Protein backbone atom coordinates (compact mmCIF):
# COMPACT_ATOMS: atom_id res chain seq x y z
CA MET A 1 141.63 103.43 73.58
CA SER A 2 138.02 103.42 71.20
CA ALA A 3 135.15 103.49 73.47
CA VAL A 4 133.14 100.80 71.05
CA LYS A 5 130.89 98.75 72.82
CA ASP A 6 130.76 94.92 72.51
CA VAL A 7 127.63 93.63 70.69
CA ASN A 8 128.06 90.26 72.22
CA SER A 9 128.24 91.77 75.79
CA PRO A 10 126.05 89.92 78.16
CA LEU A 11 125.52 93.20 80.07
CA LEU A 12 123.05 94.11 76.89
CA THR A 13 119.37 92.69 76.79
CA GLN A 14 117.81 91.71 73.93
CA THR A 15 116.03 95.11 73.29
CA THR A 16 119.09 97.24 73.62
CA LYS A 17 121.89 95.52 71.81
CA ALA A 18 124.02 97.81 69.95
CA PRO A 19 123.83 97.72 66.02
CA THR A 20 126.29 95.48 64.20
CA SER A 21 128.27 98.46 62.86
CA GLN A 22 131.34 99.54 64.72
CA THR A 23 129.83 102.71 65.24
CA PRO A 24 131.43 104.64 68.57
CA ALA A 25 128.67 104.58 71.50
CA MET A 26 128.26 108.12 73.31
CA PRO A 27 129.69 107.41 76.83
CA THR A 28 127.19 107.21 79.28
CA GLY A 29 127.18 107.53 83.12
CA PRO A 30 126.19 104.84 85.57
CA LYS A 31 122.46 106.12 85.68
CA SER A 32 121.84 106.38 81.64
CA GLN A 33 119.71 104.08 79.65
CA ALA A 34 120.14 103.03 76.37
CA PRO A 35 118.16 104.83 73.40
CA ASP A 36 116.21 102.02 72.97
CA ALA A 37 115.16 101.32 76.64
CA ALA A 38 112.72 104.00 76.36
CA THR A 39 110.71 102.41 74.10
CA ALA A 40 110.74 98.87 75.86
CA THR A 41 107.14 97.66 76.92
CA ILE A 42 106.59 97.64 80.94
CA ALA A 43 104.20 95.19 82.07
CA PRO A 44 101.39 96.46 84.21
CA LYS A 45 101.59 95.58 87.90
CA PRO A 46 98.58 93.03 88.43
CA ILE A 47 95.73 94.45 90.36
CA GLN A 48 95.01 92.63 93.63
CA THR A 49 91.27 91.61 93.66
CA ASN A 50 91.22 89.68 97.05
CA LEU A 51 91.02 93.22 99.14
CA THR A 52 88.49 93.30 101.65
CA PRO A 53 86.14 96.43 101.21
CA ILE A 54 86.35 98.67 104.02
CA THR A 55 82.29 98.85 105.27
CA PRO A 56 81.84 102.32 107.40
CA ARG A 57 80.32 101.79 110.64
CA LYS A 58 77.20 103.46 111.74
CA ALA A 59 77.46 105.65 114.78
CA ASP A 60 75.19 104.32 117.51
CA THR A 61 73.38 107.46 118.13
CA ALA A 62 72.00 107.02 113.82
CA LEU A 63 68.63 106.04 114.36
CA SER A 64 67.05 104.41 111.15
CA TRP A 65 64.12 102.74 110.84
CA GLY A 66 64.03 102.03 107.01
CA ALA A 67 62.16 103.43 103.93
CA PRO A 68 58.87 105.09 104.70
CA ALA A 69 56.19 101.96 104.28
CA GLY A 70 53.67 104.73 103.03
CA LEU A 71 51.02 102.22 104.89
CA PRO A 72 47.19 104.12 105.94
CA ILE A 73 46.57 105.03 110.15
CA ARG A 74 46.03 102.02 111.81
CA SER A 75 42.75 100.68 112.49
CA ASN A 76 41.82 99.40 116.02
CA ASN A 77 42.55 95.55 115.09
CA ASP A 78 45.99 96.10 113.74
CA GLU A 79 47.99 93.81 115.16
CA ASN A 80 51.55 95.21 114.15
CA LEU A 81 51.10 98.14 116.47
CA ILE A 82 49.58 96.28 119.18
CA ILE A 83 52.66 93.96 119.33
CA PHE A 84 54.94 96.58 119.81
CA ARG A 85 53.17 98.57 122.37
CA LYS A 86 52.33 95.23 124.45
CA ALA A 87 56.21 94.28 124.13
CA LEU A 88 57.38 97.68 125.18
CA GLY A 89 54.87 98.69 127.62
CA ILE A 90 53.99 101.99 125.80
CA ASN A 91 49.88 102.64 125.32
CA TYR A 92 49.29 99.14 125.85
CA HIS A 93 46.04 99.92 127.27
CA ARG A 94 44.92 101.97 124.07
CA GLU A 95 43.14 100.83 120.70
CA ALA A 96 45.65 101.43 117.88
CA ALA A 97 43.48 103.93 116.49
CA GLU A 98 42.80 105.70 119.73
CA ALA A 99 44.29 109.36 120.18
CA GLY A 100 46.34 110.40 123.43
CA THR A 101 48.99 112.70 124.53
CA LEU A 102 52.75 111.43 125.31
CA GLU A 103 52.42 112.66 128.77
CA GLU A 104 49.53 109.95 129.41
CA GLY A 105 51.76 107.33 127.79
CA ARG A 106 54.46 108.09 130.49
CA ARG A 107 52.30 107.96 133.38
CA SER A 108 50.50 104.64 132.41
CA ALA A 109 53.73 102.87 131.09
CA ILE A 110 54.95 99.40 132.04
CA GLY A 111 57.86 96.90 131.34
CA ILE A 112 61.16 98.32 129.83
CA TYR A 113 59.58 101.29 129.01
CA ARG A 114 58.49 102.33 132.38
CA SER A 115 62.08 101.24 133.51
CA VAL A 116 63.58 103.23 130.98
CA ILE A 117 61.58 106.33 132.51
CA GLU A 118 62.66 105.54 135.88
CA ALA A 119 66.18 105.28 135.13
CA GLN A 120 66.28 108.63 133.27
CA THR A 121 64.35 110.26 135.94
CA THR A 122 66.58 108.94 138.61
CA LYS A 123 69.58 109.78 137.15
CA PHE A 124 68.65 113.08 136.11
CA THR A 125 67.33 113.97 139.80
CA GLN A 126 70.98 112.33 141.22
CA HIS A 127 72.89 114.40 138.63
CA ALA A 128 71.35 117.72 139.47
CA LEU A 129 71.42 117.03 143.38
CA LEU A 130 75.15 116.18 143.11
CA GLN A 131 75.72 119.12 141.01
CA ALA A 132 73.98 121.50 143.40
CA PHE A 133 76.05 119.94 146.44
CA LEU A 134 79.20 120.53 144.46
CA TYR A 135 78.19 124.59 143.52
CA ILE A 136 77.28 124.61 147.67
CA VAL A 137 81.01 123.39 148.55
CA TYR A 138 82.72 125.74 146.11
CA PHE A 139 80.64 128.69 147.69
CA ALA A 140 81.43 127.75 151.16
CA GLN A 141 85.26 127.29 150.34
CA ILE A 142 85.06 130.66 149.12
CA ILE A 143 83.55 132.24 152.00
CA ILE A 144 85.98 130.13 154.58
CA GLY A 145 88.95 131.57 152.38
CA ALA A 146 87.79 135.03 152.63
CA ALA A 147 87.13 134.82 156.71
CA LEU A 148 90.34 132.94 157.17
CA THR A 149 92.23 136.13 154.95
CA ALA A 150 90.16 138.60 157.27
CA LEU A 151 91.52 137.21 160.48
CA GLY A 152 94.86 136.85 159.40
CA PRO A 153 96.21 139.97 161.01
CA THR A 154 94.45 139.10 164.27
CA ALA A 155 95.05 135.65 164.33
CA ALA A 156 96.48 135.51 168.08
CA ARG A 157 92.90 136.68 169.20
CA TYR A 158 91.14 134.18 166.87
CA GLU A 159 93.10 131.15 167.38
CA LEU A 160 90.34 128.71 168.05
CA ALA A 161 87.96 130.36 165.04
CA ILE A 162 91.00 130.12 162.41
CA THR A 163 91.55 126.25 163.67
CA ILE A 164 87.95 125.33 163.29
CA LEU A 165 87.85 127.11 159.78
CA GLY A 166 90.62 125.74 158.57
CA ALA A 167 89.37 121.77 159.78
CA VAL A 168 86.26 122.67 157.87
CA ASN A 169 87.95 123.92 154.87
CA THR A 170 90.28 120.75 154.68
CA ILE A 171 87.09 118.20 155.29
CA LEU A 172 85.23 120.28 152.13
CA ALA A 173 88.61 120.01 149.97
CA GLY A 174 88.46 116.28 150.39
CA VAL A 175 85.16 115.65 149.43
CA LEU A 176 85.66 117.47 146.40
CA ALA A 177 88.49 115.76 145.49
CA LEU A 178 86.65 112.37 146.33
CA ILE A 179 83.40 112.89 144.14
CA LYS A 180 85.52 114.86 141.49
CA GLY A 181 88.24 112.27 141.32
CA SER A 182 85.56 109.07 141.00
CA GLY A 183 84.09 111.06 138.12
CA GLN A 184 80.49 110.67 139.65
CA PRO A 185 78.89 114.04 138.25
CA GLN A 186 80.05 112.98 134.25
CA LYS A 187 79.15 109.34 134.84
CA LEU A 188 75.92 110.51 135.95
CA GLY A 189 74.89 112.47 133.18
CA LYS A 190 76.11 110.06 130.78
CA ASP A 191 73.87 107.48 132.10
CA ARG A 192 71.01 110.00 132.05
CA ILE A 193 71.57 110.56 128.32
CA GLY A 194 71.97 106.75 127.06
CA TYR A 195 68.47 106.39 128.87
CA ARG A 196 66.99 109.09 127.52
CA ARG A 197 68.19 108.41 124.16
CA LEU A 198 66.51 104.87 124.36
CA GLN A 199 63.22 106.87 125.75
CA ASP A 200 63.18 109.19 122.59
CA TRP A 201 63.27 106.50 120.41
CA ILE A 202 60.82 104.07 121.87
CA GLU A 203 58.37 106.81 121.70
CA GLU A 204 59.12 107.73 118.50
CA THR A 205 59.13 104.38 117.07
CA GLU A 206 55.65 103.97 118.27
CA SER A 207 54.57 107.10 116.91
CA LEU A 208 55.73 106.06 113.40
CA LEU A 209 54.11 102.83 113.64
CA ALA A 210 50.71 104.58 114.60
CA VAL A 211 50.69 106.50 111.60
CA GLY A 212 51.88 103.51 109.20
CA VAL A 213 55.36 105.11 108.44
CA ILE A 214 56.96 102.01 109.49
CA GLY A 215 55.70 98.43 110.39
CA ARG A 216 54.84 96.50 107.01
CA ASN A 217 54.25 93.13 108.97
CA ARG A 218 54.86 91.24 111.62
CA LYS A 219 58.80 90.55 111.04
CA GLU A 220 59.50 94.20 110.85
CA VAL A 221 57.74 94.91 113.88
CA GLY A 222 59.59 91.98 115.81
CA LEU A 223 63.00 93.46 114.53
CA LEU A 224 61.57 96.87 116.16
CA VAL A 225 60.76 94.96 119.13
CA GLU A 226 64.10 93.14 119.51
CA SER A 227 66.14 96.33 118.52
CA ALA A 228 64.56 97.69 121.55
CA PHE A 229 65.60 95.35 124.11
CA LYS A 230 69.10 95.25 122.48
CA ARG A 231 69.47 99.09 122.99
CA TYR A 232 68.02 98.48 126.73
CA ASN A 233 70.29 96.10 127.47
CA ALA A 234 73.49 98.29 125.83
CA ALA A 235 72.38 101.12 128.18
CA LYS A 236 72.25 98.68 131.08
CA ALA A 237 75.59 97.54 130.45
CA SER A 238 77.25 101.07 129.94
CA GLU A 239 75.88 101.99 133.35
CA GLU A 240 76.98 98.73 135.00
CA ASN A 241 80.52 98.11 133.63
CA ASN A 242 82.07 101.57 132.87
CA ASP A 243 84.52 103.39 135.16
CA PRO A 244 83.64 107.48 135.55
CA ASP A 245 87.28 108.15 134.38
CA TYR A 246 86.96 106.14 130.98
CA TYR A 247 83.53 105.93 130.17
CA VAL A 248 82.55 103.99 126.75
CA THR A 249 79.56 103.75 125.40
CA GLN A 250 78.29 100.03 125.29
CA PRO A 251 77.63 99.34 121.28
CA VAL A 252 74.24 97.96 120.45
CA GLU A 253 74.35 94.55 119.32
CA PRO A 254 72.95 94.18 115.64
CA VAL A 255 69.59 93.37 115.48
CA GLY A 256 68.50 89.80 113.63
CA ARG A 257 71.71 87.82 114.45
CA HIS A 258 71.71 85.25 117.14
CA GLY A 259 74.38 82.96 118.49
CA SER A 260 76.13 81.15 115.24
CA GLU A 261 74.75 83.84 112.77
CA ASP A 262 77.22 86.47 114.62
CA SER A 263 79.92 84.98 112.29
CA GLY A 264 78.02 85.64 109.02
CA SER A 265 77.14 88.47 107.20
CA GLY A 266 75.98 91.82 108.83
CA GLY A 267 72.27 92.29 109.98
CA LYS A 268 70.19 94.28 107.74
CA ARG A 269 68.71 97.74 108.88
CA VAL A 270 65.31 97.52 110.53
CA GLY A 271 62.66 97.67 108.07
CA GLU A 272 65.05 96.68 104.97
CA SER A 273 63.45 93.96 102.96
CA LYS A 274 65.61 90.84 101.83
């Protein structure tokens, strides 16, 4: 039989119909296309324009104060530096242009700056003492284990001593399991790091304000004060709400957003103008 295709066949589209002459067509497989199919115009896919842009989230530890203001060194009656110092309690008794050391400022601290220093110092002391106690217990276990090994061949003569050493070793093992199981050394260390970072941020911000790098106006200084309080609340929340085994750092609340404003656009960076 002839392999001529019917030009009126509904299987052929308008762009792929065969010519009217009775020319035999080449046999094609199930995946082959008509010659004119390669020249057919393919409509482009519509571009989706309703995609939500993905904004990278900054780490909580990224400290940013905005672009440098280039202001002169503060005078004695500069209110921007005085507002920051009195709000946080760092160098509050000094004039704006008065020089002083960082250690003097820490000794005379008040407010949340003093609370941060005291919390950081307390966590550091507790962590150091607990770590020292753990090392002493580890060393005691090694000594007791060695003594029990030495008394093994003469166990019949030192039954009481072996019993006491075994009981003490069991108690020490239980204490170690309790402390390590609760994750206290790690929790104290992470709490100390959180308060230490906040202390560094307050001291660095006060220094930048004093030399005129930041603090263009009262609004910018107000945002810096607000940021300090929110960082302090985040550090306290991390200390109070975390299980030592699953320690998650509390994120800092964005600056400049209150109440119903949280549903709006993201807060601006400290020191960024409108």
